[in-house]
């Protein structure tokens, strides 16, 4: 059996985030429907559009490294999404629902930021310059989404959840 190298690890991690992004695409509409805040609904809808672009960029990265786009089950994102679904069920109709949904969305963002940062670094190490650009673009968007979710939490959602308590 040949030894695994950084290129193999890059490919495996790429399959992982490809699975995650596609799973997120399915979860975002449910989260938008579950949110009561119009601003939060809009944030989820906007991020769904961005996530569609992220999937397309990942397909381009697969092409750059000469591999077919393929997903590999990602237990981490499955667990994070499951937590979000549990929040929707447990807090349905409750004032704190939006705060819980927002927190679940940020857990997703933090996972993505971690993965894209790692992939970008490895792509750079491996000399995949075109992949670096694509991954960096997505990483920047994920960080902006996280930042906007924080602002939404601090300016409206958390306060609304606390006032209603």
C-alpha atoms as a PDB file:
ATOM      1  CA  UNK A   1       0.000   0.000   0.000  1.00  0.00           C
ATOM      2  CA  UNK A   2       1.425   3.361  -1.037  1.00  0.00           C
ATOM      3  CA  UNK A   3       2.011   5.950   1.649  1.00  0.00           C
ATOM      4  CA  UNK A   4      -0.516   8.737   1.797  1.00  0.00           C
ATOM      5  CA  UNK A   5       0.825  12.226   1.185  1.00  0.00           C
ATOM      6  CA  UNK A   6      -0.394  15.822   1.412  1.00  0.00           C
ATOM      7  CA  UNK A   7      -1.991  15.605  -2.043  1.00  0.00           C
ATOM      8  CA  UNK A   8      -4.064  12.634  -0.831  1.00  0.00           C
ATOM      9  CA  UNK A   9      -5.034  14.490   2.334  1.00  0.00           C
ATOM     10  CA  UNK A  10      -5.980  17.556   0.287  1.00  0.00           C
ATOM     11  CA  UNK A  11      -8.212  15.416  -1.936  1.00  0.00           C
ATOM     12  CA  UNK A  12      -9.881  13.665   1.018  1.00  0.00           C
ATOM     13  CA  UNK A  13     -10.558  16.978   2.762  1.00  0.00           C
ATOM     14  CA  UNK A  14     -11.903  18.426  -0.482  1.00  0.00           C
ATOM     15  CA  UNK A  15     -14.386  15.530  -0.672  1.00  0.00           C
ATOM     16  CA  UNK A  16     -15.349  16.218   2.946  1.00  0.00           C
ATOM     17  CA  UNK A  17     -16.155  19.913   2.400  1.00  0.00           C
ATOM     18  CA  UNK A  18     -17.909  19.098  -0.879  1.00  0.00           C
ATOM     19  CA  UNK A  19     -20.251  16.814   1.075  1.00  0.00           C
ATOM     20  CA  UNK A  20     -20.650  19.472   3.768  1.00  0.00           C
ATOM     21  CA  UNK A  21     -21.545  22.241   1.323  1.00  0.00           C
ATOM     22  CA  UNK A  22     -24.140  20.087  -0.404  1.00  0.00           C
ATOM     23  CA  UNK A  23     -25.628  19.109   2.953  1.00  0.00           C
ATOM     24  CA  UNK A  24     -25.723  22.781   3.992  1.00  0.00           C
ATOM     25  CA  UNK A  25     -27.588  23.607   0.769  1.00  0.00           C
ATOM     26  CA  UNK A  26     -30.373  21.272   1.900  1.00  0.00           C
ATOM     27  CA  UNK A  27     -30.430  22.599   5.476  1.00  0.00           C
ATOM     28  CA  UNK A  28     -30.531  26.342   4.736  1.00  0.00           C
ATOM     29  CA  UNK A  29     -34.096  26.439   3.334  1.00  0.00           C
ATOM     30  CA  UNK A  30     -35.362  24.568   6.426  1.00  0.00           C
ATOM     31  CA  UNK A  31     -33.548  27.023   8.670  1.00  0.00           C
ATOM     32  CA  UNK A  32     -34.998  29.979   6.751  1.00  0.00           C
ATOM     33  CA  UNK A  33     -38.517  28.560   7.103  1.00  0.00           C
ATOM     34  CA  UNK A  34     -37.943  28.013  10.832  1.00  0.00           C
ATOM     35  CA  UNK A  35     -36.692  31.540  11.553  1.00  0.00           C
ATOM     36  CA  UNK A  36     -39.160  34.162  12.717  1.00  0.00           C
ATOM     37  CA  UNK A  37     -36.885  37.178  12.137  1.00  0.00           C
ATOM     38  CA  UNK A  38     -37.140  38.421   8.553  1.00  0.00           C
ATOM     39  CA  UNK A  39     -33.495  39.531   8.707  1.00  0.00           C
ATOM     40  CA  UNK A  40     -32.410  36.027   9.733  1.00  0.00           C
ATOM     41  CA  UNK A  41     -34.565  34.443   7.009  1.00  0.00           C
ATOM     42  CA  UNK A  42     -32.913  36.770   4.484  1.00  0.00           C
ATOM     43  CA  UNK A  43     -29.445  35.924   5.780  1.00  0.00           C
ATOM     44  CA  UNK A  44     -30.133  32.196   5.330  1.00  0.00           C
ATOM     45  CA  UNK A  45     -31.531  32.758   1.828  1.00  0.00           C
ATOM     46  CA  UNK A  46     -28.524  34.867   0.835  1.00  0.00           C
ATOM     47  CA  UNK A  47     -26.133  32.252   2.178  1.00  0.00           C
ATOM     48  CA  UNK A  48     -27.912  29.538   0.195  1.00  0.00           C
ATOM     49  CA  UNK A  49     -27.096  31.452  -2.999  1.00  0.00           C
ATOM     50  CA  UNK A  50     -23.459  31.822  -1.901  1.00  0.00           C
ATOM     51  CA  UNK A  51     -23.289  28.129  -1.000  1.00  0.00           C
ATOM     52  CA  UNK A  52     -24.395  27.207  -4.521  1.00  0.00           C
ATOM     53  CA  UNK A  53     -21.377  29.175  -5.778  1.00  0.00           C
ATOM     54  CA  UNK A  54     -19.140  27.435  -3.232  1.00  0.00           C
ATOM     55  CA  UNK A  55     -20.198  24.053  -4.607  1.00  0.00           C
ATOM     56  CA  UNK A  56     -19.381  25.239  -8.140  1.00  0.00           C
ATOM     57  CA  UNK A  57     -15.948  26.480  -7.011  1.00  0.00           C
ATOM     58  CA  UNK A  58     -15.241  23.155  -5.334  1.00  0.00           C
ATOM     59  CA  UNK A  59     -16.100  21.397  -8.598  1.00  0.00           C
ATOM     60  CA  UNK A  60     -13.534  23.646 -10.291  1.00  0.00           C
ATOM     61  CA  UNK A  61     -10.929  22.729  -7.662  1.00  0.00           C
ATOM     62  CA  UNK A  62     -11.566  19.028  -8.311  1.00  0.00           C
ATOM     63  CA  UNK A  63     -11.032  19.736 -12.014  1.00  0.00           C
ATOM     64  CA  UNK A  64      -7.772  21.606 -11.293  1.00  0.00           C
ATOM     65  CA  UNK A  65      -6.352  18.593  -9.444  1.00  0.00           C
ATOM     66  CA  UNK A  66      -7.609  16.191 -12.108  1.00  0.00           C
ATOM     67  CA  UNK A  67     -10.212  14.458  -9.959  1.00  0.00           C
ATOM     68  CA  UNK A  68     -13.904  13.852 -10.401  1.00  0.00           C
ATOM     69  CA  UNK A  69     -16.070  15.795  -7.901  1.00  0.00           C
ATOM     70  CA  UNK A  70     -17.019  13.288  -5.245  1.00  0.00           C
ATOM     71  CA  UNK A  71     -18.355  13.696  -1.741  1.00  0.00           C
ATOM     72  CA  UNK A  72     -17.251  11.811   1.337  1.00  0.00           C
ATOM     73  CA  UNK A  73     -19.591  11.629   4.317  1.00  0.00           C
ATOM     74  CA  UNK A  74     -18.669  14.258   6.876  1.00  0.00           C
ATOM     75  CA  UNK A  75     -19.839  13.241  10.359  1.00  0.00           C
ATOM     76  CA  UNK A  76     -18.865  16.677  11.722  1.00  0.00           C
ATOM     77  CA  UNK A  77     -21.279  18.612   9.512  1.00  0.00           C
ATOM     78  CA  UNK A  78     -23.945  15.944   9.975  1.00  0.00           C
ATOM     79  CA  UNK A  79     -23.694  16.497  13.737  1.00  0.00           C
ATOM     80  CA  UNK A  80     -23.738  20.289  13.492  1.00  0.00           C
ATOM     81  CA  UNK A  81     -26.802  20.221  11.227  1.00  0.00           C
ATOM     82  CA  UNK A  82     -28.499  17.699  13.515  1.00  0.00           C
ATOM     83  CA  UNK A  83     -27.957  20.086  16.435  1.00  0.00           C
ATOM     84  CA  UNK A  84     -29.643  22.845  14.432  1.00  0.00           C
ATOM     85  CA  UNK A  85     -32.612  20.575  13.717  1.00  0.00           C
ATOM     86  CA  UNK A  86     -32.858  19.718  17.424  1.00  0.00           C
ATOM     87  CA  UNK A  87     -32.944  23.443  18.239  1.00  0.00           C
ATOM     88  CA  UNK A  88     -35.724  23.988  15.692  1.00  0.00           C
ATOM     89  CA  UNK A  89     -37.747  21.207  17.266  1.00  0.00           C
ATOM     90  CA  UNK A  90     -37.077  22.055  20.919  1.00  0.00           C
ATOM     91  CA  UNK A  91     -37.574  25.823  20.558  1.00  0.00           C
ATOM     92  CA  UNK A  92     -40.309  25.914  17.907  1.00  0.00           C
ATOM     93  CA  UNK A  93     -42.447  28.991  18.561  1.00  0.00           C
ATOM     94  CA  UNK A  94     -40.183  30.098  21.436  1.00  0.00           C
ATOM     95  CA  UNK A  95     -38.593  33.561  21.577  1.00  0.00           C
ATOM     96  CA  UNK A  96     -35.100  32.052  21.670  1.00  0.00           C
ATOM     97  CA  UNK A  97     -35.540  30.022  18.456  1.00  0.00           C
ATOM     98  CA  UNK A  98     -33.825  32.592  16.225  1.00  0.00           C
ATOM     99  CA  UNK A  99     -30.884  32.913  18.620  1.00  0.00           C
ATOM    100  CA  UNK A 100     -30.484  29.128  18.557  1.00  0.00           C
ATOM    101  CA  UNK A 101     -30.734  28.970  14.774  1.00  0.00           C
ATOM    102  CA  UNK A 102     -28.182  31.741  14.439  1.00  0.00           C
ATOM    103  CA  UNK A 103     -25.802  29.936  16.807  1.00  0.00           C
ATOM    104  CA  UNK A 104     -26.201  26.732  14.787  1.00  0.00           C
ATOM    105  CA  UNK A 105     -25.490  28.655  11.579  1.00  0.00           C
ATOM    106  CA  UNK A 106     -22.325  30.080  13.107  1.00  0.00           C
ATOM    107  CA  UNK A 107     -21.186  26.594  14.107  1.00  0.00           C
ATOM    108  CA  UNK A 108     -21.515  25.663  10.423  1.00  0.00           C
ATOM    109  CA  UNK A 109     -19.585  28.782   9.397  1.00  0.00           C
ATOM    110  CA  UNK A 110     -16.770  28.082  11.833  1.00  0.00           C
ATOM    111  CA  UNK A 111     -16.447  24.542  10.502  1.00  0.00           C
ATOM    112  CA  UNK A 112     -16.308  25.847   6.937  1.00  0.00           C
ATOM    113  CA  UNK A 113     -13.781  28.549   7.817  1.00  0.00           C
ATOM    114  CA  UNK A 114     -11.560  25.908   9.383  1.00  0.00           C
ATOM    115  CA  UNK A 115     -11.778  23.610   6.365  1.00  0.00           C
ATOM    116  CA  UNK A 116     -11.300  26.307   3.731  1.00  0.00           C
ATOM    117  CA  UNK A 117      -8.360  27.808   5.598  1.00  0.00           C
ATOM    118  CA  UNK A 118      -6.671  24.419   5.749  1.00  0.00           C
ATOM    119  CA  UNK A 119      -7.420  23.606   2.119  1.00  0.00           C
ATOM    120  CA  UNK A 120      -6.133  26.985   0.942  1.00  0.00           C
ATOM    121  CA  UNK A 121      -2.899  26.489   2.882  1.00  0.00           C
ATOM    122  CA  UNK A 122      -2.409  22.993   1.491  1.00  0.00           C
ATOM    123  CA  UNK A 123      -3.221  24.102  -2.067  1.00  0.00           C
ATOM    124  CA  UNK A 124      -0.549  26.764  -1.705  1.00  0.00           C
ATOM    125  CA  UNK A 125       1.954  24.194  -0.423  1.00  0.00           C
ATOM    126  CA  UNK A 126       1.098  21.858  -3.296  1.00  0.00           C
ATOM    127  CA  UNK A 127       1.419  24.581  -5.942  1.00  0.00           C
ATOM    128  CA  UNK A 128      -2.248  24.619  -6.974  1.00  0.00           C
ATOM    129  CA  UNK A 129      -2.331  28.388  -7.566  1.00  0.00           C
ATOM    130  CA  UNK A 130      -5.727  28.430  -9.279  1.00  0.00           C
ATOM    131  CA  UNK A 131      -7.210  26.361  -6.461  1.00  0.00           C
ATOM    132  CA  UNK A 132      -5.739  28.778  -3.896  1.00  0.00           C
ATOM    133  CA  UNK A 133      -7.636  31.660  -5.519  1.00  0.00           C
ATOM    134  CA  UNK A 134     -10.939  29.773  -5.522  1.00  0.00           C
ATOM    135  CA  UNK A 135     -10.561  28.518  -1.965  1.00  0.00           C
ATOM    136  CA  UNK A 136      -9.493  31.935  -0.734  1.00  0.00           C
ATOM    137  CA  UNK A 137     -12.542  33.534  -2.338  1.00  0.00           C
ATOM    138  CA  UNK A 138     -14.838  31.111  -0.534  1.00  0.00           C
ATOM    139  CA  UNK A 139     -12.945  31.505   2.732  1.00  0.00           C
ATOM    140  CA  UNK A 140     -13.412  35.283   2.536  1.00  0.00           C
ATOM    141  CA  UNK A 141     -17.145  34.876   1.908  1.00  0.00           C
ATOM    142  CA  UNK A 142     -17.531  32.437   4.806  1.00  0.00           C
ATOM    143  CA  UNK A 143     -15.761  34.863   7.151  1.00  0.00           C
ATOM    144  CA  UNK A 144     -18.022  37.722   5.992  1.00  0.00           C
ATOM    145  CA  UNK A 145     -21.102  35.574   6.577  1.00  0.00           C
ATOM    146  CA  UNK A 146     -19.904  34.745  10.078  1.00  0.00           C
ATOM    147  CA  UNK A 147     -19.282  38.422  10.763  1.00  0.00           C
ATOM    148  CA  UNK A 148     -22.724  39.441   9.507  1.00  0.00           C
ATOM    149  CA  UNK A 149     -24.355  36.722  11.623  1.00  0.00           C
ATOM    150  CA  UNK A 150     -22.518  38.044  14.685  1.00  0.00           C
ATOM    151  CA  UNK A 151     -23.754  41.563  13.966  1.00  0.00           C
ATOM    152  CA  UNK A 152     -27.310  40.293  13.507  1.00  0.00           C
ATOM    153  CA  UNK A 153     -27.113  38.369  16.785  1.00  0.00           C
ATOM    154  CA  UNK A 154     -25.763  41.319  18.721  1.00  0.00           C
ATOM    155  CA  UNK A 155     -28.005  43.976  17.174  1.00  0.00           C
ATOM    156  CA  UNK A 156     -31.346  42.184  17.186  1.00  0.00           C
ATOM    157  CA  UNK A 157     -31.747  38.436  17.593  1.00  0.00           C
ATOM    158  CA  UNK A 158     -30.206  37.910  21.041  1.00  0.00           C
ATOM    159  CA  UNK A 159     -31.945  40.979  22.444  1.00  0.00           C
ATOM    160  CA  UNK A 160     -35.314  39.791  21.127  1.00  0.00           C
ATOM    161  CA  UNK A 161     -34.768  36.355  22.712  1.00  0.00           C
ATOM    162  CA  UNK A 162     -33.849  37.932  26.061  1.00  0.00           C
ATOM    163  CA  UNK A 163     -36.697  40.503  26.122  1.00  0.00           C
ATOM    164  CA  UNK A 164     -39.256  37.818  25.549  1.00  0.00           C
ATOM    165  CA  UNK A 165     -37.949  35.754  28.466  1.00  0.00           C
END
